Amino acid sequence: MSLDDAWTAYVRTIVDIGSPDRRLFRIVPAPQHDVGVWPQQFNGPVFVLTAWDPGVARYDIDTNRAHQKSLESDLRCLTMETWPAVGWTEYSDHREEGVAAAGLSEEDAVALGARYGQNAIFAWTPTAWLVVSCVDDRRHEAGWRLFELATS
């Protein structure tokens, strides 16, 4: 998959995030400036990172989870505000486990994504849902809608 094809998928990515109070939220991209009510459980901005399938690589689940564990260990050197996350699109059955984190800078989040071979990370703020490149200066800004999901 080319970087342009991947970028098209990134801008459509939906992310499910576990919150500090164990609720589960779904962030869905929306038209720019169309944002929901920011949940009080999160201190923004929140960055979403993964170590799964860097670049064009496709690894088995155990390898991806080992890479993810390493990324989360490195992330704990920057912040302890982390929650589980999963990114996916409606157009594919592909899912990538990740981590949502607050309390770090965008620069640090992008650098960590790049260290793990990622093309991009997500940044969620009260005013935008951003896809931020880890390999060049590309950025995509959208709005967001938030849904609380039932948990079992």
Protein backbone atom coordinates (compact mmCIF):
# COMPACT_ATOMS: atom_id res chain seq x y z
CA MET A 1 0.00 0.00 0.00
CA SER A 2 1.40 3.39 -0.96
CA LEU A 3 1.68 6.22 1.55
CA ASP A 4 -1.12 8.05 -0.29
CA ASP A 5 -3.39 5.00 -0.04
CA ALA A 6 -2.52 4.63 3.63
CA TRP A 7 -3.20 8.32 4.24
CA THR A 8 -6.68 7.93 2.72
CA ALA A 9 -7.34 5.12 5.21
CA TYR A 10 -5.97 7.16 8.13
CA VAL A 11 -8.35 10.07 7.54
CA ARG A 12 -11.29 7.62 7.71
CA THR A 13 -10.05 5.78 10.80
CA ILE A 14 -12.41 5.39 13.73
CA VAL A 15 -10.81 4.95 17.15
CA ASP A 16 -12.25 3.30 20.25
CA ILE A 17 -10.66 4.51 23.49
CA GLY A 18 -11.06 3.24 27.03
CA SER A 19 -11.39 6.17 29.43
CA PRO A 20 -9.87 6.76 32.86
CA ASP A 21 -13.20 5.79 34.46
CA ARG A 22 -13.38 2.56 32.40
CA ARG A 23 -16.01 3.80 29.96
CA LEU A 24 -15.52 3.11 26.27
CA PHE A 25 -15.71 5.92 23.73
CA ARG A 26 -15.73 5.88 19.94
CA ILE A 27 -14.26 8.82 18.02
CA VAL A 28 -15.57 9.14 14.47
CA PRO A 29 -14.11 11.68 12.02
CA ALA A 30 -16.56 14.44 11.07
CA PRO A 31 -16.43 17.51 8.82
CA GLN A 32 -13.91 20.12 9.91
CA HIS A 33 -15.13 22.30 12.83
CA ASP A 34 -17.98 19.84 13.59
CA VAL A 35 -17.02 18.64 17.07
CA GLY A 36 -18.82 17.00 19.94
CA VAL A 37 -18.77 17.82 23.62
CA TRP A 38 -15.32 17.15 25.08
CA PRO A 39 -15.57 14.43 27.76
CA GLN A 40 -14.43 15.54 31.21
CA GLN A 41 -12.58 12.22 31.68
CA PHE A 42 -9.79 13.38 29.35
CA ASN A 43 -7.26 16.17 29.59
CA GLY A 44 -6.57 17.17 25.98
CA PRO A 45 -4.89 16.77 23.71
CA VAL A 46 -5.01 12.98 23.51
CA PHE A 47 -2.64 11.23 21.10
CA VAL A 48 -3.33 7.79 19.65
CA LEU A 49 -0.32 5.68 18.74
CA THR A 50 0.30 2.13 17.62
CA ALA A 51 3.33 -0.02 16.87
CA TRP A 52 1.33 -2.45 14.71
CA ASP A 53 2.32 -3.18 11.13
CA PRO A 54 4.82 -0.35 10.60
CA GLY A 55 5.04 1.02 7.05
CA VAL A 56 4.27 -1.78 4.62
CA ALA A 57 5.15 -4.58 7.09
CA ARG A 58 2.43 -7.01 8.15
CA TYR A 59 3.20 -9.04 11.26
CA ASP A 60 1.34 -11.76 13.12
CA ILE A 61 -0.64 -10.78 16.21
CA ASP A 62 2.05 -11.91 18.69
CA THR A 63 4.77 -9.84 16.98
CA ASN A 64 2.48 -6.81 16.78
CA ARG A 65 1.59 -7.11 20.46
CA ALA A 66 5.28 -7.40 21.41
CA HIS A 67 6.03 -4.21 19.44
CA GLN A 68 3.05 -2.50 21.08
CA LYS A 69 4.23 -3.51 24.55
CA SER A 70 7.62 -1.94 23.79
CA LEU A 71 6.01 1.30 22.54
CA GLU A 72 3.87 1.52 25.69
CA SER A 73 6.94 0.99 27.86
CA ASP A 74 8.70 3.87 26.06
CA LEU A 75 5.55 5.99 26.39
CA ARG A 76 5.54 5.53 30.19
CA CYS A 77 8.82 7.49 30.26
CA LEU A 78 6.82 10.48 28.93
CA THR A 79 3.43 10.11 30.66
CA MET A 80 1.42 7.80 32.86
CA GLU A 81 -1.90 9.00 31.39
CA THR A 82 -2.58 6.13 28.95
CA TRP A 83 -5.62 4.10 27.95
CA PRO A 84 -6.22 1.23 25.53
CA ALA A 85 -7.26 2.13 21.99
CA VAL A 86 -8.19 0.31 18.77
CA GLY A 87 -8.21 1.89 15.31
CA TRP A 88 -10.33 0.60 12.45
CA THR A 89 -12.33 1.66 9.41
CA GLU A 90 -15.77 0.73 8.15
CA TYR A 91 -14.18 -0.29 4.83
CA SER A 92 -11.98 -3.09 6.16
CA ASP A 93 -11.89 -5.78 8.81
CA HIS A 94 -8.34 -4.69 9.71
CA ARG A 95 -7.92 -3.56 13.35
CA GLU A 96 -4.84 -2.19 15.08
CA GLU A 97 -4.47 -2.15 18.82
CA GLY A 98 -2.92 1.00 20.17
CA VAL A 99 -2.72 3.36 23.07
CA ALA A 100 -4.23 6.76 23.77
CA ALA A 101 -2.10 9.14 25.83
CA ALA A 102 -2.34 12.60 27.33
CA GLY A 103 0.30 14.67 29.08
CA LEU A 104 2.89 14.75 26.31
CA SER A 105 3.64 17.09 23.43
CA GLU A 106 2.70 16.49 19.82
CA GLU A 107 6.41 16.57 18.99
CA ASP A 108 7.09 13.72 21.45
CA ALA A 109 4.11 11.72 20.19
CA VAL A 110 5.21 12.08 16.55
CA ALA A 111 8.80 11.15 17.44
CA LEU A 112 7.61 8.02 19.24
CA GLY A 113 5.42 7.05 16.28
CA ALA A 114 8.38 7.53 13.95
CA ARG A 115 10.62 5.42 16.23
CA TYR A 116 8.17 2.56 15.75
CA GLY A 117 8.03 2.97 11.97
CA GLN A 118 4.58 4.51 11.83
CA ASN A 119 3.47 6.79 9.01
CA ALA A 120 1.16 8.83 11.24
CA ILE A 121 -0.44 9.29 14.64
CA PHE A 122 -3.78 10.75 15.67
CA ALA A 123 -4.28 13.81 17.85
CA TRP A 124 -7.67 14.45 19.45
CA THR A 125 -8.35 17.91 20.85
CA PRO A 126 -11.48 19.72 21.97
CA THR A 127 -11.55 21.43 18.54
CA ALA A 128 -10.19 18.85 16.07
CA TRP A 129 -9.37 15.26 15.10
CA LEU A 130 -5.95 15.33 13.44
CA VAL A 131 -3.91 12.86 11.46
CA VAL A 132 -0.28 13.94 11.89
CA SER A 133 2.45 12.45 9.71
CA CYS A 134 5.54 10.91 11.29
CA VAL A 135 7.47 10.98 7.98
CA ASP A 136 6.80 14.42 6.46
CA ASP A 137 4.87 17.63 7.20
CA ARG A 138 1.46 16.30 6.15
CA ARG A 139 -1.51 16.97 8.47
CA HIS A 140 -5.21 16.42 8.06
CA GLU A 141 -7.66 18.26 10.30
CA ALA A 142 -11.25 17.11 10.73
CA GLY A 143 -13.98 17.43 13.28
CA TRP A 144 -15.08 14.55 15.47
CA ARG A 145 -18.16 12.91 16.88
CA LEU A 146 -18.07 11.00 20.14
CA PHE A 147 -20.18 8.02 21.09
CA GLU A 148 -20.18 6.18 24.39
CA LEU A 149 -20.26 2.42 23.83
CA ALA A 150 -21.91 -0.11 26.09
CA THR A 151 -19.42 -2.19 28.07
CA SER A 152 -20.04 -5.67 29.34
